[in-house]
N, C-alpha and C. Protein backbone atom coordinates (compact mmCIF):
# COMPACT_ATOMS: atom_id res chain seq x y z
N MET A 1 219.72 44.81 197.35
CA MET A 1 218.69 45.77 197.21
C MET A 1 217.80 45.84 196.20
N LEU A 2 216.71 46.40 196.43
CA LEU A 2 215.39 46.14 195.80
C LEU A 2 215.55 47.49 195.00
N ASN A 3 215.26 47.77 193.84
CA ASN A 3 215.30 48.39 192.80
C ASN A 3 213.59 48.75 192.32
N ILE A 4 213.57 49.82 192.30
CA ILE A 4 212.32 50.51 191.18
C ILE A 4 212.27 49.96 189.76
N GLY A 5 211.07 49.06 189.79
CA GLY A 5 210.46 48.02 188.51
C GLY A 5 210.41 46.61 189.23
N ASP A 6 211.08 46.22 189.97
CA ASP A 6 211.11 44.69 191.09
C ASP A 6 210.23 44.67 191.14
N TYR A 7 209.27 43.32 191.73
CA TYR A 7 208.23 42.76 192.28
C TYR A 7 208.79 42.53 193.44
N VAL A 8 207.97 42.65 194.27
CA VAL A 8 208.46 42.17 195.90
C VAL A 8 207.06 41.50 196.79
N ARG A 9 208.00 40.71 197.71
CA ARG A 9 206.39 40.73 198.39
C ARG A 9 206.57 40.82 200.40
N HIS A 10 205.81 41.27 201.12
CA HIS A 10 205.44 41.97 201.81
C HIS A 10 205.63 40.50 202.90
N GLN A 11 206.89 40.39 203.81
CA GLN A 11 206.74 39.35 204.28
C GLN A 11 205.65 39.12 205.67
N ILE A 12 205.22 40.00 206.12
CA ILE A 12 204.23 39.56 206.75
C ILE A 12 202.67 39.23 206.02
N THR A 13 202.48 40.46 205.58
CA THR A 13 201.01 40.20 204.66
C THR A 13 201.14 39.27 203.09
N GLY A 14 202.18 39.17 202.99
CA GLY A 14 201.66 38.26 201.65
C GLY A 14 202.16 39.31 200.59
N GLN A 15 201.73 40.03 200.66
CA GLN A 15 201.18 41.47 199.26
C GLN A 15 202.50 41.16 198.41
N ILE A 16 202.04 41.38 196.60
CA ILE A 16 202.81 41.43 195.68
C ILE A 16 202.41 42.67 195.34
N GLY A 17 203.27 43.08 194.84
CA GLY A 17 203.71 44.52 194.38
C GLY A 17 204.40 44.44 193.56
N GLN A 18 204.85 45.99 192.92
CA GLN A 18 206.70 46.61 192.07
C GLN A 18 206.08 47.87 192.71
N VAL A 19 207.61 47.78 193.14
CA VAL A 19 207.95 48.64 193.73
C VAL A 19 208.22 50.42 193.09
N ILE A 20 207.58 51.18 193.15
CA ILE A 20 207.95 52.38 192.20
C ILE A 20 208.23 53.78 192.81
N GLY A 21 209.08 53.64 194.48
CA GLY A 21 209.56 54.54 194.89
C GLY A 21 210.25 54.10 196.36
N TYR A 22 210.89 54.91 196.51
CA TYR A 22 211.70 54.99 198.08
C TYR A 22 211.02 56.25 198.76
N GLY A 23 210.77 56.26 200.65
CA GLY A 23 210.52 57.33 201.03
C GLY A 23 210.99 57.05 202.33
N HIS A 24 210.96 57.42 203.80
CA HIS A 24 211.56 57.02 204.79
C HIS A 24 210.36 57.41 206.04
N GLN A 25 211.05 57.18 206.84
CA GLN A 25 209.98 57.07 208.54
C GLN A 25 211.12 57.52 209.81
N ILE A 26 210.40 58.09 210.33
CA ILE A 26 211.08 58.87 211.57
C ILE A 26 210.42 57.35 212.88
N LEU A 27 210.83 56.53 213.11
CA LEU A 27 210.02 55.76 214.24
C LEU A 27 211.67 55.57 215.53
N GLN A 28 210.63 56.20 216.76
CA GLN A 28 211.59 56.36 217.87
C GLN A 28 213.37 57.56 217.60
N GLY A 29 213.11 58.07 216.99
CA GLY A 29 214.20 59.00 216.57
C GLY A 29 215.32 58.23 215.72
N VAL A 30 215.37 57.15 214.97
CA VAL A 30 215.56 56.50 214.10
C VAL A 30 215.30 56.38 212.56
N TYR A 31 215.93 57.18 211.78
CA TYR A 31 215.73 57.15 209.87
C TYR A 31 215.43 55.64 209.51
N LEU A 32 214.57 55.09 209.16
CA LEU A 32 214.00 54.28 208.83
C LEU A 32 213.79 54.23 206.67
N THR A 33 214.52 53.68 206.12
CA THR A 33 213.99 53.83 204.96
C THR A 33 212.54 52.84 204.43
N THR A 34 211.95 53.36 203.62
CA THR A 34 210.88 52.53 203.07
C THR A 34 210.38 52.34 201.82
N LEU A 35 209.82 51.80 201.13
CA LEU A 35 209.42 51.42 200.02
C LEU A 35 207.83 51.71 199.47
N LYS A 36 208.43 52.16 198.35
CA LYS A 36 206.46 52.47 198.13
C LYS A 36 206.62 51.72 196.77
N VAL A 37 205.44 50.75 197.02
CA VAL A 37 204.67 49.67 196.17
C VAL A 37 203.61 49.59 195.43
N ARG A 38 203.35 49.17 194.22
CA ARG A 38 201.93 49.11 193.62
C ARG A 38 201.73 48.21 193.74
N ALA A 39 200.46 47.87 194.57
CA ALA A 39 199.81 46.74 194.94
C ALA A 39 198.97 46.06 193.56
N SER A 40 199.71 44.77 193.23
CA SER A 40 199.33 43.96 192.36
C SER A 40 197.60 42.96 192.85
N ASN A 41 196.41 43.16 192.28
CA ASN A 41 195.13 42.74 192.80
C ASN A 41 194.21 42.82 191.91
N ASN A 42 194.07 41.71 191.68
CA ASN A 42 192.89 40.90 190.69
C ASN A 42 191.62 41.84 191.08
N ASP A 43 191.17 41.59 192.21
CA ASP A 43 190.17 42.14 192.85
C ASP A 43 189.70 43.52 192.66
N LEU A 44 190.68 44.16 192.27
CA LEU A 44 190.44 45.95 192.25
C LEU A 44 189.50 45.86 191.01
N ILE A 45 188.50 47.13 191.25
CA ILE A 45 187.29 47.26 190.49
C ILE A 45 187.86 48.70 189.77
N ASP A 46 187.22 48.67 188.11
CA ASP A 46 187.73 49.54 187.87
C ASP A 46 189.34 50.09 187.41
N ASN A 47 189.55 49.14 187.51
CA ASN A 47 191.48 49.13 187.34
C ASN A 47 192.49 50.40 188.13
N GLN A 48 191.97 50.07 190.05
CA GLN A 48 192.32 50.79 190.50
C GLN A 48 193.81 50.54 191.25
N SER A 49 194.60 51.37 191.28
CA SER A 49 195.51 50.62 191.75
C SER A 49 195.70 51.06 193.36
N ARG A 50 195.60 50.10 193.84
CA ARG A 50 195.86 50.45 195.56
C ARG A 50 198.19 50.41 195.49
N PHE A 51 198.02 51.54 196.55
CA PHE A 51 199.84 51.62 196.53
C PHE A 51 199.96 51.39 198.53
N ILE A 52 201.37 50.40 198.93
CA ILE A 52 201.50 50.12 200.13
C ILE A 52 202.92 51.13 200.54
N GLU A 53 202.85 51.52 201.48
CA GLU A 53 204.24 51.79 202.16
C GLU A 53 204.80 51.55 203.22
N ASP A 54 205.74 50.32 203.18
CA ASP A 54 206.34 49.51 204.93
C ASP A 54 207.63 50.19 205.21
N VAL A 55 208.49 49.73 205.95
CA VAL A 55 210.01 49.36 205.94
C VAL A 55 210.65 49.08 204.80
N TYR A 56 211.48 49.04 204.82
CA TYR A 56 212.23 48.01 203.37
C TYR A 56 212.51 46.51 203.64
N SER A 57 213.01 46.55 204.91
CA SER A 57 213.07 45.34 205.86
C SER A 57 211.76 44.56 205.82
N GLU A 58 210.94 45.04 205.53
CA GLU A 58 209.88 44.30 205.51
C GLU A 58 208.90 43.51 204.59
N TRP A 59 209.82 43.72 203.17
CA TRP A 59 210.21 43.74 201.44
C TRP A 59 211.05 42.17 201.20
N VAL A 60 211.22 41.16 200.81
CA VAL A 60 211.86 40.46 199.38
C VAL A 60 211.43 40.76 198.13
N LEU A 61 212.95 40.63 197.11
CA LEU A 61 211.96 40.15 196.18
C LEU A 61 210.92 39.17 195.36
N ALA A 62 210.04 39.57 195.08
CA ALA A 62 209.24 37.58 194.69
C ALA A 62 209.96 36.43 193.50
N GLU A 63 209.39 36.40 193.88
CA GLU A 63 210.20 34.48 192.80
C GLU A 63 208.94 35.44 191.35
N PRO A 64 209.80 34.89 190.13
CA PRO A 64 208.65 35.15 189.08
C PRO A 64 207.54 34.59 189.18
N THR A 65 207.17 33.96 189.88
CA THR A 65 205.82 33.35 189.47
C THR A 65 205.68 33.61 190.22
N GLU A 66 205.46 34.15 191.61
CA GLU A 66 204.63 35.04 192.02
C GLU A 66 204.29 36.16 191.73
N SER A 67 205.02 37.27 191.22
CA SER A 67 205.08 38.07 190.63
C SER A 67 203.94 38.38 189.50
N GLY A 68 203.55 37.11 188.67
CA GLY A 68 202.49 36.39 187.75
C GLY A 68 203.31 37.29 186.32
N VAL A 69 204.34 38.14 186.50
CA VAL A 69 205.17 38.57 185.40
C VAL A 69 206.20 37.48 184.64
N VAL A 70 205.62 36.97 183.14
CA VAL A 70 206.82 35.88 182.35
C VAL A 70 207.75 36.73 182.20
N LEU A 71 208.84 36.10 182.25
CA LEU A 71 210.40 36.33 181.38
C LEU A 71 210.63 36.00 180.60
N GLN A 72 211.08 36.55 179.77
CA GLN A 72 211.17 35.66 178.58
C GLN A 72 213.11 35.68 178.24
N ALA A 73 213.65 34.59 177.92
CA ALA A 73 215.04 34.47 177.82
C ALA A 73 215.37 35.13 176.42
């Protein structure tokens, strides 16, 4: 289970970001859970944030080296 605050990677686009919430989408009568992710992108100008929402199954937990977050022991 991916939780709010986790860093995740989109399996198709490779985009890395931090989970900020959950949502839902109904596709062909099927209720699907989505993740709302604040994208990590060093190319953004003026500290603007970009948000991505896609079905939960498209996201996987990012490795610490991918997210750029330094984990301390």
